Protein backbone atom coordinates (compact mmCIF):
# COMPACT_ATOMS: atom_id res chain seq x y z
CA MET A 1 -22.04 -0.22 38.77
CA LYS A 2 -19.01 -2.88 39.28
CA CYS A 3 -18.49 -5.60 37.49
CA PRO A 4 -19.52 -8.34 40.03
CA GLY A 5 -16.54 -10.50 39.08
CA GLN A 6 -14.02 -7.83 39.98
CA ASP A 7 -15.86 -6.44 43.15
CA THR A 8 -13.86 -7.68 46.06
CA ARG A 9 -16.86 -7.99 48.05
CA TYR A 10 -17.45 -11.31 46.30
CA TRP A 11 -13.94 -12.73 46.17
CA LYS A 12 -13.30 -16.20 47.68
CA PRO A 13 -10.04 -17.25 49.28
CA GLY A 14 -7.51 -17.79 47.01
CA ALA A 15 -8.22 -14.40 45.09
CA VAL A 16 -4.22 -13.65 46.34
CA PHE A 17 -1.88 -15.73 44.61
CA GLU A 18 1.50 -16.19 43.55
CA VAL A 19 2.46 -17.60 39.23
CA LYS A 20 5.58 -18.30 38.55
CA CYS A 21 7.40 -15.61 35.84
CA PRO A 22 7.74 -17.99 32.39
CA LYS A 23 11.23 -15.95 31.85
CA CYS A 24 12.91 -16.57 34.56
CA GLY A 25 10.62 -18.22 37.24
CA SER A 26 10.41 -15.90 40.16
CA GLU A 27 6.98 -15.70 41.92
CA VAL A 28 4.81 -12.70 41.02
CA GLU A 29 2.00 -11.69 43.13
CA PHE A 30 -1.14 -11.48 41.44
CA PHE A 31 -4.78 -9.93 42.62
CA LYS A 32 -7.64 -11.98 40.95
CA ASP A 33 -8.63 -8.55 39.44
CA ASP A 34 -4.93 -8.10 37.92
CA THR A 35 -5.07 -7.92 34.07
CA SER A 36 -1.21 -8.15 34.16
CA ARG A 37 2.02 -8.04 36.31
CA LYS A 38 5.53 -6.97 35.97
CA CYS A 39 8.01 -9.51 37.41
CA ASP A 40 10.06 -7.79 39.89
CA SER A 41 13.12 -10.03 39.40
CA CYS A 42 13.40 -9.49 35.19
CA GLY A 43 11.32 -6.77 34.47
CA HIS A 44 9.08 -9.54 31.88
CA ARG A 45 5.14 -7.92 32.07
CA PHE A 46 2.69 -11.20 31.58
CA VAL A 47 -0.99 -11.50 31.50
CA ASN A 48 -2.56 -13.01 34.64
CA PRO A 49 -3.39 -16.21 34.17
CA SER A 50 -6.35 -17.35 36.74
CA MET A 51 -8.49 -14.32 35.23
CA ASP A 52 -11.47 -14.88 33.18
CA PHE A 53 -11.09 -12.10 30.17
CA GLY A 54 -14.43 -13.96 29.16
CA CYS A 55 -16.54 -10.73 28.53
CA ALA A 56 -13.69 -8.40 27.83
CA ALA A 57 -12.73 -10.30 24.72
CA TYR A 58 -15.84 -9.04 22.98
CA CYS A 59 -17.40 -5.83 25.14
CA GLN A 60 -16.25 -2.59 23.74
CA TYR A 61 -16.08 -1.26 27.19
CA ALA A 62 -13.40 -3.66 28.41
CA GLU A 63 -10.72 -1.13 28.28
CA GLN A 64 -12.62 1.55 30.55
CA CYS A 65 -13.67 -1.39 32.77
CA LEU A 66 -9.97 -3.16 33.07
CA GLY A 67 -7.56 -0.67 32.22
CA ASN A 68 -5.01 -1.18 29.49
CA LEU A 69 -5.78 -4.75 28.08
CA PRO A 70 -2.56 -6.37 27.45
CA PRO A 71 -1.69 -7.28 23.83
CA GLU A 72 -3.05 -11.15 24.48
CA LEU A 73 -6.24 -9.98 24.80
CA MET A 74 -6.36 -7.31 22.24
CA ALA A 75 -5.49 -10.04 19.87
CA GLN A 76 -8.49 -12.23 20.86
CA LYS A 77 -10.86 -9.75 21.04
CA GLU A 78 -10.06 -9.07 17.53
CA ASN A 79 -10.13 -12.71 16.61
CA LEU A 80 -13.91 -12.81 17.92
CA LEU A 81 -14.64 -9.31 15.87
CA LYS A 82 -15.32 -11.46 12.90
CA ASP A 83 -18.09 -13.32 14.15
CA ARG A 84 -20.11 -10.34 15.40
CA VAL A 85 -19.27 -8.68 11.84
CA ALA A 86 -20.60 -11.85 10.37
CA ILE A 87 -23.70 -11.68 12.56
CA GLU A 88 -24.20 -7.67 12.17
CA MET A 89 -23.98 -8.54 8.10
CA LYS A 90 -26.80 -11.10 8.80
CA LYS A 91 -28.81 -8.57 10.62
CA TYR A 92 -28.17 -5.71 7.81
CA PHE A 93 -29.26 -8.32 4.83
CA ARG A 94 -32.09 -9.62 6.60
CA ARG A 95 -33.93 -11.98 4.30
CA ASP A 96 -31.53 -11.09 1.33
CA PHE A 97 -29.70 -14.66 1.70
CA ARG A 98 -27.94 -14.22 -1.86
CA ARG A 99 -26.05 -11.55 -0.44
CA ILE A 100 -25.23 -13.21 2.60
CA GLY A 101 -24.20 -16.45 1.22
CA HIS A 102 -21.81 -14.29 -1.74
CA ALA A 103 -20.27 -12.90 1.77
CA THR A 104 -19.96 -16.16 3.44
CA LYS A 105 -18.13 -17.64 0.54
CA VAL A 106 -15.97 -14.56 0.26
CA ALA A 107 -15.01 -14.73 3.95
CA ARG A 108 -14.42 -18.76 3.95
CA HIS A 109 -11.76 -17.76 0.42
CA ALA A 110 -10.63 -14.76 2.06
CA GLU A 111 -9.29 -16.68 5.47
CA ARG A 112 -7.74 -19.30 3.31
CA ILE A 113 -5.81 -16.59 1.23
CA GLY A 114 -5.44 -14.62 4.23
CA ARG A 115 -3.37 -16.67 6.46
CA ALA A 116 -1.17 -18.14 3.27
CA GLU A 117 0.05 -14.00 2.56
CA ARG A 118 0.44 -13.55 6.04
CA GLY A 119 -2.09 -10.59 6.16
CA ASN A 120 -4.28 -9.30 9.53
CA MET A 121 -7.59 -11.88 9.92
CA ALA A 122 -9.40 -9.39 11.64
CA VAL A 123 -9.04 -6.79 9.05
CA ILE A 124 -9.30 -9.35 6.06
CA LEU A 125 -12.48 -11.02 7.46
CA ALA A 126 -14.70 -8.07 8.45
CA SER A 127 -13.42 -6.64 4.90
CA ALA A 128 -14.92 -9.83 3.27
CA TYR A 129 -18.28 -9.70 5.22
CA LEU A 130 -18.40 -6.08 4.95
CA HIS A 131 -17.71 -5.58 0.86
CA ASP A 132 -20.50 -5.48 -0.65
CA ILE A 133 -22.51 -3.99 2.53
CA GLY A 134 -23.23 -0.97 0.20
CA ILE A 135 -25.41 -2.87 -2.16
CA HIS A 136 -28.67 -2.03 -0.85
CA GLU A 137 -28.21 1.75 -0.83
CA ALA A 138 -26.96 1.57 -4.04
CA GLU A 139 -30.14 -0.14 -5.17
CA ARG A 140 -32.47 2.59 -3.50
CA LYS A 141 -30.70 5.43 -4.58
CA TYR A 142 -29.04 4.79 -7.85
CA ASP A 143 -31.18 1.54 -8.86
CA SER A 144 -27.78 0.08 -10.06
CA THR A 145 -25.72 -2.52 -8.23
CA ALA A 146 -23.00 -1.01 -10.20
CA ALA A 147 -19.61 -1.30 -8.13
CA LYS A 148 -18.84 2.58 -8.21
CA TYR A 149 -22.16 2.75 -5.97
CA GLN A 150 -21.17 -0.07 -3.52
CA GLU A 151 -17.99 1.40 -2.93
CA GLN A 152 -19.28 4.90 -2.46
CA GLU A 153 -22.09 3.76 0.09
CA GLY A 154 -20.39 0.75 1.77
CA PRO A 155 -17.84 2.49 3.70
CA PRO A 156 -20.38 4.70 5.85
CA ILE A 157 -22.44 1.79 6.72
CA ALA A 158 -19.12 -0.43 7.12
CA ARG A 159 -18.36 2.27 9.70
CA ASP A 160 -21.40 2.19 11.42
CA ILE A 161 -21.18 -1.76 12.04
CA LEU A 162 -17.28 -1.67 13.27
CA SER A 163 -17.96 1.47 15.65
CA ARG A 164 -20.86 -0.31 17.33
CA LEU A 165 -18.91 -3.29 18.05
CA GLY A 166 -16.00 -1.21 19.35
CA ALA A 167 -13.24 -2.16 17.00
CA ARG A 168 -10.10 -0.12 16.77
CA GLU A 169 -10.17 2.96 14.70
CA GLU A 170 -7.15 1.97 12.50
CA LEU A 171 -8.98 -1.12 12.11
CA ILE A 172 -12.35 0.43 10.99
CA GLU A 173 -10.21 3.02 8.64
CA GLU A 174 -8.58 0.32 6.97
CA VAL A 175 -11.51 -1.69 6.11
CA CYS A 176 -13.80 1.00 5.25
CA ASP A 177 -10.59 1.87 2.58
CA ILE A 178 -10.58 -2.01 1.37
CA VAL A 179 -14.38 -1.84 1.33
CA GLY A 180 -14.44 1.79 -0.82
CA HIS A 181 -12.55 0.51 -3.80
CA HIS A 182 -13.24 -3.31 -3.49
CA HIS A 183 -13.21 -3.65 -7.06
CA HIS A 184 -10.61 -1.24 -8.25
CA PRO A 185 -7.14 -2.39 -6.95
CA ARG A 186 -4.53 0.37 -6.85
CA PRO A 187 -0.99 0.35 -8.08
CA ASP A 188 0.21 -0.82 -4.38
CA GLU A 189 -1.74 -2.95 -2.70
CA THR A 190 -1.74 -4.31 1.02
CA ALA A 191 -1.66 -8.07 1.38
CA ASN A 192 -5.69 -7.41 3.30
CA PHE A 193 -6.96 -5.86 -0.15
CA LYS A 194 -5.38 -8.52 -2.04
CA ALA A 195 -6.98 -11.35 -0.09
CA LEU A 196 -9.99 -10.13 -0.11
CA TYR A 197 -10.13 -8.93 -3.88
CA ASP A 198 -8.94 -12.58 -4.86
CA ALA A 199 -11.38 -13.98 -2.70
CA ASP A 200 -14.41 -11.90 -4.00
CA LEU A 201 -13.29 -12.76 -7.32
CA ILE A 202 -13.07 -16.41 -6.99
CA VAL A 203 -17.09 -16.21 -5.73
CA ASN A 204 -17.83 -13.77 -8.62
CA LEU A 205 -15.83 -15.81 -10.96
CA GLU A 206 -17.68 -19.75 -9.68
CA GLU A 207 -21.26 -17.85 -9.68
CA LYS A 208 -20.69 -16.73 -13.38
CA HIS A 209 -19.67 -20.29 -13.97
CA ASN A 210 -22.55 -21.39 -12.35
CA GLU A 211 -25.02 -19.68 -14.55
CA ASN A 212 -23.31 -19.68 -17.65
CA PRO A 213 -20.45 -22.39 -17.64
CA ILE A 214 -17.06 -21.09 -18.91
CA ASP A 215 -14.17 -22.92 -21.08
CA PRO A 216 -11.73 -24.11 -18.70
CA ASP A 217 -9.16 -22.79 -20.88
CA ARG A 218 -10.17 -19.36 -20.47
CA LEU A 219 -11.02 -19.80 -16.88
CA THR A 220 -7.22 -20.79 -16.66
CA GLN A 221 -6.27 -17.40 -18.56
CA ILE A 222 -8.29 -15.36 -15.95
CA ILE A 223 -6.65 -17.17 -13.17
CA GLU A 224 -3.36 -16.58 -14.45
CA LYS A 225 -4.07 -12.93 -15.22
CA SER A 226 -6.47 -11.13 -12.66
CA PHE A 227 -5.62 -12.50 -9.69
CA LEU A 228 -3.21 -10.46 -7.17
CA THR A 229 -1.50 -13.23 -5.24
CA GLU A 230 -0.55 -16.49 -5.49
CA SER A 231 -2.49 -17.94 -2.92
CA GLY A 232 -5.46 -16.93 -4.94
CA ARG A 233 -4.43 -18.49 -7.90
CA GLU A 234 -4.20 -21.32 -5.76
CA GLU A 235 -7.43 -21.17 -4.39
CA ALA A 236 -9.16 -20.54 -7.59
CA GLY A 237 -8.26 -23.27 -9.28
CA LYS A 238 -8.95 -25.57 -6.62
CA VAL A 239 -12.52 -24.43 -6.58
CA LEU A 240 -12.83 -23.67 -10.47
CA LEU A 241 -10.71 -26.19 -12.22
CA ASP A 242 -10.44 -29.17 -10.00
CA ALA A 243 -13.97 -29.17 -9.26
């Protein structure tokens, strides 16, 4: 079945129109269902400004429906992915509000750190929401929440969630890699890993501090020595020392 919005039987007057090329100003003819067109005058390819990409921004079958998606839409699709990952994380943890709250806080800090470090926000936020996704399996199999068991059990679950959401394979691979060693930094880590690591450390320290207050001087030492990014240190200072 063809998407009704793209079926010519349902088209109205104005379904074929002209748009000025944003590079040279020449007129470029568009059909309503064109995702993009190349300007005959200068060769610049640009997105159809009148097309409603709505469902394509999140649908895993968008490329089969519309063909190769333009870069602008791919960016929008990955930007919306984080919201769907957050929903899947909450569905997976069900009534485990402690883990849901932890992941949500980590994502909030990771977004601030990631933007400051100029990381890939789709990777960073998907990793933040899914970094502890293996904890229930760790408890079930090993009666333990130890980091090594979380890291062992998390990637297959993260992969299943991201695959069902239609994420790119490259994104899935990177997120699963981060989830699989998120407590154990390697010598040469990416900005994406560092943003997630620092955000998780902030929330873990905040939770420990709330249960058993840590001396401010000790917190300062931890912040200076344990964080991987300057942005993480700044965020930690605001959360742990300026509160």
